[in-house]
Amino acid sequence: NGAGSLSWLNPGSLVSAAIAPSFQVHRNGVNQTVTQGAWIKVQFNNEAFDSNNNFDTTTNRYTPTVAGRYQISLNIYCADSAT
């Protein structure tokens, strides 16, 4: 608090208050098959959290409801099953 006192917050309150809206989705360790030379939509089937319920796992689409700038980070690992 700037006066030498230390306190702890519930992480859930940080998600909703400090960095909302935010979300994290993943495939939960389930591989997705892709076809060589084709455009493939990565299907994120699990939400770790979604502060405003803006990510739809049925359409794999995030629809912002708050105006502003958004930072998107994505990690994808691709492996050739033949090697």
PDB file of N, CA and C in Angstrom:
ATOM      1  N   ASN A   1       0.816  -1.209   0.000  1.00  0.00           N
ATOM      2  CA  ASN A   1       0.000   0.000   0.000  1.00  0.00           C
ATOM      3  C   ASN A   1       0.854   1.266   0.000  1.00  0.00           C
ATOM      4  N   GLY A   2       2.138   1.149  -0.080  1.00  0.00           N
ATOM      5  CA  GLY A   2       3.011   2.310  -0.079  1.00  0.00           C
ATOM      6  C   GLY A   2       3.420   2.766   1.310  1.00  0.00           C
ATOM      7  N   ALA A   3       2.778   2.207   2.351  1.00  0.00           N
ATOM      8  CA  ALA A   3       3.101   2.602   3.723  1.00  0.00           C
ATOM      9  C   ALA A   3       3.760   1.463   4.486  1.00  0.00           C
ATOM     10  N   GLY A   4       4.189   0.416   3.787  1.00  0.00           N
ATOM     11  CA  GLY A   4       4.866  -0.687   4.433  1.00  0.00           C
ATOM     12  C   GLY A   4       3.971  -1.846   4.793  1.00  0.00           C
ATOM     13  N   SER A   5       2.678  -1.755   4.532  1.00  0.00           N
ATOM     14  CA  SER A   5       1.762  -2.862   4.831  1.00  0.00           C
ATOM     15  C   SER A   5       1.648  -3.768   3.618  1.00  0.00           C
ATOM     16  N   LEU A   6       1.676  -5.070   3.862  1.00  0.00           N
ATOM     17  CA  LEU A   6       1.566  -6.063   2.808  1.00  0.00           C
ATOM     18  C   LEU A   6       0.261  -6.818   2.968  1.00  0.00           C
ATOM     19  N   SER A   7      -0.467  -6.997   1.891  1.00  0.00           N
ATOM     20  CA  SER A   7      -1.714  -7.770   1.949  1.00  0.00           C
ATOM     21  C   SER A   7      -1.813  -8.625   0.698  1.00  0.00           C
ATOM     22  N   TRP A   8      -2.681  -9.637   0.754  1.00  0.00           N
ATOM     23  CA  TRP A   8      -2.864 -10.569  -0.345  1.00  0.00           C
ATOM     24  C   TRP A   8      -4.259 -10.412  -0.913  1.00  0.00           C
ATOM     25  N   LEU A   9      -4.380 -10.558  -2.230  1.00  0.00           N
ATOM     26  CA  LEU A   9      -5.671 -10.490  -2.902  1.00  0.00           C
ATOM     27  C   LEU A   9      -6.032 -11.847  -3.458  1.00  0.00           C
ATOM     28  N   ASN A  10      -7.286 -12.101  -3.576  1.00  0.00           N
ATOM     29  CA  ASN A  10      -7.781 -13.296  -4.247  1.00  0.00           C
ATOM     30  C   ASN A  10      -7.463 -13.159  -5.735  1.00  0.00           C
ATOM     31  N   PRO A  11      -6.803 -14.139  -6.373  1.00  0.00           N
ATOM     32  CA  PRO A  11      -6.471 -14.030  -7.802  1.00  0.00           C
ATOM     33  C   PRO A  11      -7.693 -13.776  -8.675  1.00  0.00           C
ATOM     34  N   GLY A  12      -8.841 -14.290  -8.283  1.00  0.00           N
ATOM     35  CA  GLY A  12     -10.054 -14.050  -9.069  1.00  0.00           C
ATOM     36  C   GLY A  12     -10.405 -12.582  -9.133  1.00  0.00           C
ATOM     37  N   SER A  13     -10.174 -11.844  -8.058  1.00  0.00           N
ATOM     38  CA  SER A  13     -10.472 -10.416  -8.060  1.00  0.00           C
ATOM     39  C   SER A  13      -9.515  -9.670  -8.978  1.00  0.00           C
ATOM     40  N   LEU A  14      -8.290 -10.164  -9.119  1.00  0.00           N
ATOM     41  CA  LEU A  14      -7.342  -9.535 -10.029  1.00  0.00           C
ATOM     42  C   LEU A  14      -7.777  -9.705 -11.473  1.00  0.00           C
ATOM     43  N   VAL A  15      -8.274 -10.887 -11.804  1.00  0.00           N
ATOM     44  CA  VAL A  15      -8.709 -11.139 -13.181  1.00  0.00           C
ATOM     45  C   VAL A  15      -9.854 -10.217 -13.540  1.00  0.00           C
ATOM     46  N   SER A  16     -10.833 -10.093 -12.665  1.00  0.00           N
ATOM     47  CA  SER A  16     -12.008  -9.305 -13.003  1.00  0.00           C
ATOM     48  C   SER A  16     -11.761  -7.805 -12.887  1.00  0.00           C
ATOM     49  N   ALA A  17     -10.875  -7.384 -11.992  1.00  0.00           N
ATOM     50  CA  ALA A  17     -10.705  -5.955 -11.764  1.00  0.00           C
ATOM     51  C   ALA A  17      -9.535  -5.358 -12.523  1.00  0.00           C
ATOM     52  N   ALA A  18      -8.369  -6.001 -12.493  1.00  0.00           N
ATOM     53  CA  ALA A  18      -7.160  -5.368 -12.994  1.00  0.00           C
ATOM     54  C   ALA A  18      -6.911  -5.610 -14.473  1.00  0.00           C
ATOM     55  N   ILE A  19      -7.229  -6.768 -14.995  1.00  0.00           N
ATOM     56  CA  ILE A  19      -6.867  -7.070 -16.376  1.00  0.00           C
ATOM     57  C   ILE A  19      -8.064  -7.493 -17.218  1.00  0.00           C
ATOM     58  N   ALA A  20      -9.274  -7.246 -16.736  1.00  0.00           N
ATOM     59  CA  ALA A  20     -10.464  -7.631 -17.486  1.00  0.00           C
ATOM     60  C   ALA A  20     -10.595  -6.757 -18.715  1.00  0.00           C
ATOM     61  N   PRO A  21     -11.116  -7.244 -19.793  1.00  0.00           N
ATOM     62  CA  PRO A  21     -11.457  -8.637 -20.027  1.00  0.00           C
ATOM     63  C   PRO A  21     -10.224  -9.447 -20.438  1.00  0.00           C
ATOM     64  N   SER A  22     -10.223 -10.689 -20.051  1.00  0.00           N
ATOM     65  CA  SER A  22      -9.116 -11.571 -20.403  1.00  0.00           C
ATOM     66  C   SER A  22      -9.623 -13.004 -20.487  1.00  0.00           C
ATOM     67  N   PHE A  23      -8.866 -13.827 -21.210  1.00  0.00           N
ATOM     68  CA  PHE A  23      -9.246 -15.230 -21.328  1.00  0.00           C
ATOM     69  C   PHE A  23      -8.021 -16.066 -21.639  1.00  0.00           C
ATOM     70  N   GLN A  24      -8.124 -17.341 -21.363  1.00  0.00           N
ATOM     71  CA  GLN A  24      -7.094 -18.303 -21.759  1.00  0.00           C
ATOM     72  C   GLN A  24      -7.810 -19.568 -22.187  1.00  0.00           C
ATOM     73  N   VAL A  25      -7.472 -20.045 -23.376  1.00  0.00           N
ATOM     74  CA  VAL A  25      -8.066 -21.277 -23.904  1.00  0.00           C
ATOM     75  C   VAL A  25      -6.952 -22.217 -24.329  1.00  0.00           C
ATOM     76  N   HIS A  26      -7.263 -23.501 -24.396  1.00  0.00           N
ATOM     77  CA  HIS A  26      -6.268 -24.488 -24.798  1.00  0.00           C
ATOM     78  C   HIS A  26      -6.981 -25.727 -25.338  1.00  0.00           C
ATOM     79  N   ARG A  27      -6.211 -26.647 -25.855  1.00  0.00           N
ATOM     80  CA  ARG A  27      -6.758 -27.875 -26.426  1.00  0.00           C
ATOM     81  C   ARG A  27      -6.763 -29.012 -25.415  1.00  0.00           C
ATOM     82  N   ASN A  28      -6.267 -28.767 -24.215  1.00  0.00           N
ATOM     83  CA  ASN A  28      -6.271 -29.752 -23.135  1.00  0.00           C
ATOM     84  C   ASN A  28      -5.510 -31.021 -23.495  1.00  0.00           C
ATOM     85  N   GLY A  29      -4.395 -30.858 -24.212  1.00  0.00           N
ATOM     86  CA  GLY A  29      -3.553 -32.001 -24.538  1.00  0.00           C
ATOM     87  C   GLY A  29      -4.081 -32.880 -25.651  1.00  0.00           C
ATOM     88  N   VAL A  30      -5.151 -32.462 -26.316  1.00  0.00           N
ATOM     89  CA  VAL A  30      -5.736 -33.251 -27.400  1.00  0.00           C
ATOM     90  C   VAL A  30      -5.188 -32.728 -28.730  1.00  0.00           C
ATOM     91  N   ASN A  31      -4.595 -33.621 -29.524  1.00  0.00           N
ATOM     92  CA  ASN A  31      -4.037 -33.215 -30.812  1.00  0.00           C
ATOM     93  C   ASN A  31      -5.143 -32.899 -31.803  1.00  0.00           C
ATOM     94  N   GLN A  32      -4.834 -32.023 -32.751  1.00  0.00           N
ATOM     95  CA  GLN A  32      -5.752 -31.693 -33.834  1.00  0.00           C
ATOM     96  C   GLN A  32      -5.062 -32.051 -35.139  1.00  0.00           C
ATOM     97  N   THR A  33      -5.723 -32.820 -35.959  1.00  0.00           N
ATOM     98  CA  THR A  33      -5.169 -33.227 -37.242  1.00  0.00           C
ATOM     99  C   THR A  33      -5.291 -32.087 -38.248  1.00  0.00           C
ATOM    100  N   VAL A  34      -4.237 -31.884 -39.001  1.00  0.00           N
ATOM    101  CA  VAL A  34      -4.241 -30.859 -40.046  1.00  0.00           C
ATOM    102  C   VAL A  34      -3.891 -31.512 -41.379  1.00  0.00           C
ATOM    103  N   THR A  35      -4.332 -30.886 -42.443  1.00  0.00           N
ATOM    104  CA  THR A  35      -4.064 -31.375 -43.795  1.00  0.00           C
ATOM    105  C   THR A  35      -3.034 -30.473 -44.448  1.00  0.00           C
ATOM    106  N   GLN A  36      -2.007 -31.075 -45.026  1.00  0.00           N
ATOM    107  CA  GLN A  36      -0.952 -30.311 -45.665  1.00  0.00           C
ATOM    108  C   GLN A  36      -1.526 -29.432 -46.764  1.00  0.00           C
ATOM    109  N   GLY A  37      -1.106 -28.166 -46.792  1.00  0.00           N
ATOM    110  CA  GLY A  37      -1.516 -27.237 -47.835  1.00  0.00           C
ATOM    111  C   GLY A  37      -2.913 -26.672 -47.664  1.00  0.00           C
ATOM    112  N   ALA A  38      -3.568 -26.945 -46.557  1.00  0.00           N
ATOM    113  CA  ALA A  38      -4.927 -26.456 -46.339  1.00  0.00           C
ATOM    114  C   ALA A  38      -4.948 -25.469 -45.175  1.00  0.00           C
ATOM    115  N   TRP A  39      -5.876 -24.519 -45.219  1.00  0.00           N
ATOM    116  CA  TRP A  39      -6.090 -23.601 -44.110  1.00  0.00           C
ATOM    117  C   TRP A  39      -6.872 -24.350 -43.044  1.00  0.00           C
ATOM    118  N   ILE A  40      -6.382 -24.315 -41.820  1.00  0.00           N
ATOM    119  CA  ILE A  40      -7.011 -25.036 -40.714  1.00  0.00           C
ATOM    120  C   ILE A  40      -7.275 -24.056 -39.574  1.00  0.00           C
ATOM    121  N   LYS A  41      -8.467 -24.101 -39.039  1.00  0.00           N
ATOM    122  CA  LYS A  41      -8.811 -23.297 -37.862  1.00  0.00           C
ATOM    123  C   LYS A  41      -8.480 -24.113 -36.616  1.00  0.00           C
ATOM    124  N   VAL A  42      -7.618 -23.570 -35.754  1.00  0.00           N
ATOM    125  CA  VAL A  42      -7.291 -24.262 -34.513  1.00  0.00           C
ATOM    126  C   VAL A  42      -8.528 -24.208 -33.612  1.00  0.00           C
ATOM    127  N   GLN A  43      -8.932 -25.358 -33.129  1.00  0.00           N
ATOM    128  CA  GLN A  43     -10.147 -25.458 -32.334  1.00  0.00           C
ATOM    129  C   GLN A  43      -9.789 -25.594 -30.860  1.00  0.00           C
ATOM    130  N   PHE A  44      -9.955 -24.506 -30.132  1.00  0.00           N
ATOM    131  CA  PHE A  44      -9.682 -24.502 -28.699  1.00  0.00           C
ATOM    132  C   PHE A  44     -10.928 -24.989 -27.977  1.00  0.00           C
ATOM    133  N   ASN A  45     -10.833 -26.142 -27.337  1.00  0.00           N
ATOM    134  CA  ASN A  45     -12.028 -26.775 -26.771  1.00  0.00           C
ATOM    135  C   ASN A  45     -12.171 -26.597 -25.265  1.00  0.00           C
ATOM    136  N   ASN A  46     -11.201 -25.962 -24.598  1.00  0.00           N
ATOM    137  CA  ASN A  46     -11.277 -25.780 -23.140  1.00  0.00           C
ATOM    138  C   ASN A  46     -10.895 -24.359 -22.756  1.00  0.00           C
ATOM    139  N   GLU A  47     -11.644 -23.796 -21.827  1.00  0.00           N
ATOM    140  CA  GLU A  47     -11.317 -22.488 -21.270  1.00  0.00           C
ATOM    141  C   GLU A  47     -10.668 -22.666 -19.902  1.00  0.00           C
ATOM    142  N   ALA A  48      -9.529 -22.046 -19.683  1.00  0.00           N
ATOM    143  CA  ALA A  48      -8.933 -22.006 -18.344  1.00  0.00           C
ATOM    144  C   ALA A  48      -9.651 -20.924 -17.538  1.00  0.00           C
ATOM    145  N   PHE A  49      -9.888 -19.770 -18.177  1.00  0.00           N
ATOM    146  CA  PHE A  49     -10.708 -18.711 -17.596  1.00  0.00           C
ATOM    147  C   PHE A  49     -11.186 -17.783 -18.702  1.00  0.00           C
ATOM    148  N   ASP A  50     -12.237 -17.065 -18.448  1.00  0.00           N
ATOM    149  CA  ASP A  50     -12.804 -16.098 -19.386  1.00  0.00           C
ATOM    150  C   ASP A  50     -13.558 -15.069 -18.557  1.00  0.00           C
ATOM    151  N   SER A  51     -12.923 -13.935 -18.292  1.00  0.00           N
ATOM    152  CA  SER A  51     -13.459 -12.967 -17.337  1.00  0.00           C
ATOM    153  C   SER A  51     -14.807 -12.375 -17.744  1.00  0.00           C
ATOM    154  N   ASN A  52     -15.091 -12.266 -19.038  1.00  0.00           N
ATOM    155  CA  ASN A  52     -16.358 -11.676 -19.490  1.00  0.00           C
ATOM    156  C   ASN A  52     -17.211 -12.649 -20.300  1.00  0.00           C
ATOM    157  N   ASN A  53     -16.848 -13.924 -20.308  1.00  0.00           N
ATOM    158  CA  ASN A  53     -17.563 -14.922 -21.116  1.00  0.00           C
ATOM    159  C   ASN A  53     -17.657 -14.506 -22.580  1.00  0.00           C
ATOM    160  N   ASN A  54     -16.533 -14.038 -23.133  1.00  0.00           N
ATOM    161  CA  ASN A  54     -16.505 -13.579 -24.524  1.00  0.00           C
ATOM    162  C   ASN A  54     -15.978 -14.628 -25.492  1.00  0.00           C
ATOM    163  N   PHE A  55     -15.386 -15.712 -24.983  1.00  0.00           N
ATOM    164  CA  PHE A  55     -14.880 -16.753 -25.881  1.00  0.00           C
ATOM    165  C   PHE A  55     -15.915 -17.852 -25.994  1.00  0.00           C
ATOM    166  N   ASP A  56     -16.256 -18.204 -27.229  1.00  0.00           N
ATOM    167  CA  ASP A  56     -17.248 -19.247 -27.498  1.00  0.00           C
ATOM    168  C   ASP A  56     -16.510 -20.494 -27.986  1.00  0.00           C
ATOM    169  N   THR A  57     -16.497 -21.561 -27.173  1.00  0.00           N
ATOM    170  CA  THR A  57     -15.771 -22.773 -27.558  1.00  0.00           C
ATOM    171  C   THR A  57     -16.474 -23.536 -28.674  1.00  0.00           C
ATOM    172  N   THR A  58     -17.740 -23.240 -28.960  1.00  0.00           N
ATOM    173  CA  THR A  58     -18.426 -23.928 -30.069  1.00  0.00           C
ATOM    174  C   THR A  58     -18.033 -23.325 -31.417  1.00  0.00           C
ATOM    175  N   THR A  59     -17.703 -22.034 -31.437  1.00  0.00           N
ATOM    176  CA  THR A  59     -17.287 -21.388 -32.686  1.00  0.00           C
ATOM    177  C   THR A  59     -15.799 -21.063 -32.698  1.00  0.00           C
ATOM    178  N   ASN A  60     -15.118 -21.249 -31.534  1.00  0.00           N
ATOM    179  CA  ASN A  60     -13.699 -20.910 -31.390  1.00  0.00           C
ATOM    180  C   ASN A  60     -13.443 -19.449 -31.727  1.00  0.00           C
ATOM    181  N   ARG A  61     -14.314 -18.598 -31.214  1.00  0.00           N
ATOM    182  CA  ARG A  61     -14.235 -17.174 -31.535  1.00  0.00           C
ATOM    183  C   ARG A  61     -14.331 -16.337 -30.263  1.00  0.00           C
ATOM    184  N   TYR A  62     -13.467 -15.320 -30.175  1.00  0.00           N
ATOM    185  CA  TYR A  62     -13.512 -14.347 -29.089  1.00  0.00           C
ATOM    186  C   TYR A  62     -14.149 -13.081 -29.629  1.00  0.00           C
ATOM    187  N   THR A  63     -15.180 -12.615 -28.977  1.00  0.00           N
ATOM    188  CA  THR A  63     -15.874 -11.405 -29.393  1.00  0.00           C
ATOM    189  C   THR A  63     -15.731 -10.365 -28.286  1.00  0.00           C
ATOM    190  N   PRO A  64     -14.891  -9.347 -28.485  1.00  0.00           N
ATOM    191  CA  PRO A  64     -14.703  -8.327 -27.457  1.00  0.00           C
ATOM    192  C   PRO A  64     -15.997  -7.541 -27.219  1.00  0.00           C
ATOM    193  N   THR A  65     -16.243  -7.214 -25.971  1.00  0.00           N
ATOM    194  CA  THR A  65     -17.399  -6.393 -25.613  1.00  0.00           C
ATOM    195  C   THR A  65     -16.970  -5.092 -24.950  1.00  0.00           C
ATOM    196  N   VAL A  66     -15.671  -4.900 -24.830  1.00  0.00           N
ATOM    197  CA  VAL A  66     -15.118  -3.684 -24.248  1.00  0.00           C
ATOM    198  C   VAL A  66     -14.169  -3.077 -25.273  1.00  0.00           C
ATOM    199  N   ALA A  67     -14.386  -1.805 -25.592  1.00  0.00           N
ATOM    200  CA  ALA A  67     -13.518  -1.128 -26.558  1.00  0.00           C
ATOM    201  C   ALA A  67     -12.110  -0.988 -25.990  1.00  0.00           C
ATOM    202  N   GLY A  68     -11.127  -1.105 -26.851  1.00  0.00           N
ATOM    203  CA  GLY A  68      -9.751  -0.942 -26.408  1.00  0.00           C
ATOM    204  C   GLY A  68      -8.795  -1.725 -27.268  1.00  0.00           C
ATOM    205  N   ARG A  69      -7.576  -1.829 -26.803  1.00  0.00           N
ATOM    206  CA  ARG A  69      -6.541  -2.592 -27.495  1.00  0.00           C
ATOM    207  C   ARG A  69      -6.392  -3.930 -26.801  1.00  0.00           C
ATOM    208  N   TYR A  70      -6.158  -4.950 -27.589  1.00  0.00           N
ATOM    209  CA  TYR A  70      -6.023  -6.304 -27.059  1.00  0.00           C
ATOM    210  C   TYR A  70      -4.693  -6.893 -27.488  1.00  0.00           C
ATOM    211  N   GLN A  71      -4.064  -7.613 -26.590  1.00  0.00           N
ATOM    212  CA  GLN A  71      -2.835  -8.335 -26.911  1.00  0.00           C
ATOM    213  C   GLN A  71      -3.172  -9.814 -26.969  1.00  0.00           C
ATOM    214  N   ILE A  72      -2.839 -10.444 -28.073  1.00  0.00           N
ATOM    215  CA  ILE A  72      -3.105 -11.864 -28.276  1.00  0.00           C
ATOM    216  C   ILE A  72      -1.766 -12.597 -28.354  1.00  0.00           C
ATOM    217  N   SER A  73      -1.607 -13.633 -27.559  1.00  0.00           N
ATOM    218  CA  SER A  73      -0.414 -14.480 -27.611  1.00  0.00           C
ATOM    219  C   SER A  73      -0.854 -15.891 -27.959  1.00  0.00           C
ATOM    220  N   LEU A  74      -0.101 -16.554 -28.815  1.00  0.00           N
ATOM    221  CA  LEU A  74      -0.465 -17.886 -29.271  1.00  0.00           C
ATOM    222  C   LEU A  74       0.774 -18.751 -29.359  1.00  0.00           C
ATOM    223  N   ASN A  75       0.673 -19.961 -28.853  1.00  0.00           N
ATOM    224  CA  ASN A  75       1.741 -20.946 -28.985  1.00  0.00           C
ATOM    225  C   ASN A  75       1.165 -22.178 -29.659  1.00  0.00           C
ATOM    226  N   ILE A  76       1.792 -22.587 -30.741  1.00  0.00           N
ATOM    227  CA  ILE A  76       1.363 -23.784 -31.461  1.00  0.00           C
ATOM    228  C   ILE A  76       2.590 -24.651 -31.710  1.00  0.00           C
ATOM    229  N   TYR A  77       2.464 -25.923 -31.464  1.00  0.00           N
ATOM    230  CA  TYR A  77       3.529 -26.873 -31.736  1.00  0.00           C
ATOM    231  C   TYR A  77       3.060 -27.787 -32.852  1.00  0.00           C
ATOM    232  N   CYS A  78       3.823 -27.868 -33.909  1.00  0.00           N
ATOM    233  CA  CYS A  78       3.488 -28.739 -35.041  1.00  0.00           C
ATOM    234  C   CYS A  78       4.549 -29.821 -35.163  1.00  0.00           C
ATOM    235  N   ALA A  79       4.085 -31.035 -35.321  1.00  0.00           N
ATOM    236  CA  ALA A  79       5.006 -32.167 -35.469  1.00  0.00           C
ATOM    237  C   ALA A  79       4.534 -33.040 -36.616  1.00  0.00           C
ATOM    238  N   ASP A  80       5.470 -33.532 -37.390  1.00  0.00           N
ATOM    239  CA  ASP A  80       5.170 -34.446 -38.476  1.00  0.00           C
ATOM    240  C   ASP A  80       5.109 -35.848 -37.885  1.00  0.00           C
ATOM    241  N   SER A  81       3.951 -36.469 -37.936  1.00  0.00           N
ATOM    242  CA  SER A  81       3.802 -37.783 -37.318  1.00  0.00           C
ATOM    243  C   SER A  81       4.606 -38.875 -38.032  1.00  0.00           C
ATOM    244  N   ALA A  82       5.101 -38.596 -39.238  1.00  0.00           N
ATOM    245  CA  ALA A  82       5.844 -39.599 -39.973  1.00  0.00           C
ATOM    246  C   ALA A  82       7.316 -39.643 -39.560  1.00  0.00           C
ATOM    247  N   THR A  83       7.774 -38.623 -38.817  1.00  0.00           N
ATOM    248  CA  THR A  83       9.206 -38.598 -38.469  1.00  0.00           C
ATOM    249  C   THR A  83       9.423 -38.852 -37.006  1.00  0.00           C
TER     250      THR A  83
END
